[in-house]
Protein backbone atom coordinates (compact mmCIF):
# COMPACT_ATOMS: atom_id res chain seq x y z
CA MET A 1 0.00 0.00 0.00
CA THR A 2 1.31 3.43 -0.88
CA HIS A 3 0.56 6.66 0.93
CA ASP A 4 -1.67 7.97 -1.85
CA GLN A 5 -4.00 4.95 -1.70
CA PRO A 6 -6.77 4.82 0.89
CA PRO A 7 -6.64 1.82 3.20
CA SER A 8 -8.82 -0.99 1.99
CA GLU A 9 -11.95 -1.68 3.99
CA PRO A 10 -12.65 -5.14 5.36
CA PRO A 11 -15.11 -7.14 3.30
CA CYS A 12 -18.74 -6.62 4.16
CA PRO A 13 -20.19 -9.67 5.94
CA ARG A 14 -22.53 -11.51 3.61
CA ARG A 15 -24.88 -14.32 4.31
CA THR A 16 -23.88 -17.36 2.27
CA GLY A 17 -25.26 -20.83 2.73
CA GLY A 18 -26.43 -20.34 6.32
CA ALA A 19 -23.13 -18.89 7.53
CA MET A 20 -21.66 -15.43 7.50
CA GLN A 21 -18.36 -14.40 6.03
CA GLY A 22 -16.60 -11.96 8.34
CA LEU A 23 -18.26 -13.22 11.53
CA GLY A 24 -17.01 -15.95 13.79
CA GLU A 25 -18.75 -19.30 13.86
CA LEU A 26 -20.57 -18.56 17.14
CA LYS A 27 -21.73 -15.12 16.02
CA ALA A 28 -22.98 -16.65 12.77
CA ALA A 29 -24.89 -19.33 14.71
CA VAL A 30 -26.49 -16.66 16.92
CA MET A 31 -27.46 -14.60 13.88
CA ASP A 32 -28.95 -17.66 12.16
CA VAL A 33 -31.23 -18.24 15.18
CA LEU A 34 -32.29 -14.60 15.10
CA TRP A 35 -32.79 -14.46 11.32
CA HIS A 36 -35.03 -17.54 11.40
CA ALA A 37 -37.15 -16.19 14.26
CA GLU A 38 -40.49 -14.62 13.48
CA GLU A 39 -40.34 -12.40 16.58
CA PRO A 40 -37.68 -11.06 18.97
CA ARG A 41 -35.83 -13.79 20.86
CA SER A 42 -34.50 -13.79 24.43
CA VAL A 43 -31.02 -14.92 25.40
CA ARG A 44 -32.58 -18.19 26.65
CA ASP A 45 -34.34 -18.71 23.29
CA VAL A 46 -31.11 -18.18 21.36
CA LEU A 47 -29.25 -20.50 23.76
CA GLN A 48 -31.82 -23.26 23.22
CA GLY A 49 -31.56 -22.84 19.46
CA ILE A 50 -27.77 -23.09 19.51
CA ASN A 51 -27.47 -25.83 22.14
CA ARG A 52 -29.04 -28.33 19.73
CA ASP A 53 -25.59 -28.72 18.18
CA ARG A 54 -23.33 -27.90 21.15
CA THR A 55 -23.40 -26.97 24.82
CA LEU A 56 -22.74 -23.32 25.62
CA ALA A 57 -23.29 -21.22 28.73
CA TYR A 58 -26.06 -18.64 29.03
CA THR A 59 -23.47 -15.95 29.75
CA THR A 60 -21.57 -16.80 26.56
CA ILE A 61 -24.66 -16.19 24.42
CA MET A 62 -25.51 -13.08 26.43
CA THR A 63 -22.01 -11.68 25.75
CA VAL A 64 -22.25 -12.44 22.01
CA LEU A 65 -25.67 -10.77 21.81
CA ASP A 66 -24.40 -7.76 23.75
CA ASN A 67 -21.40 -7.42 21.43
CA LEU A 68 -23.60 -7.70 18.34
CA HIS A 69 -26.02 -5.13 19.76
CA ARG A 70 -23.19 -2.65 20.33
CA LYS A 71 -22.07 -3.12 16.72
CA ASP A 72 -25.64 -2.57 15.48
């Protein structure tokens, strides 16, 4: 990169095949639960949706949701 070129921006996350490019696997799993919901979901609802495939703590999902909320 030279000084006269603007820094390149990171790629925009895009939904592809049920996963998201640019998001971690856990964030993508959380977003999939939310995207497939017909109404707002609680932390407990998201946890139940994710814990079908793995076992995670309530506080882990709460932290991921909080981080996503802060990022809009």
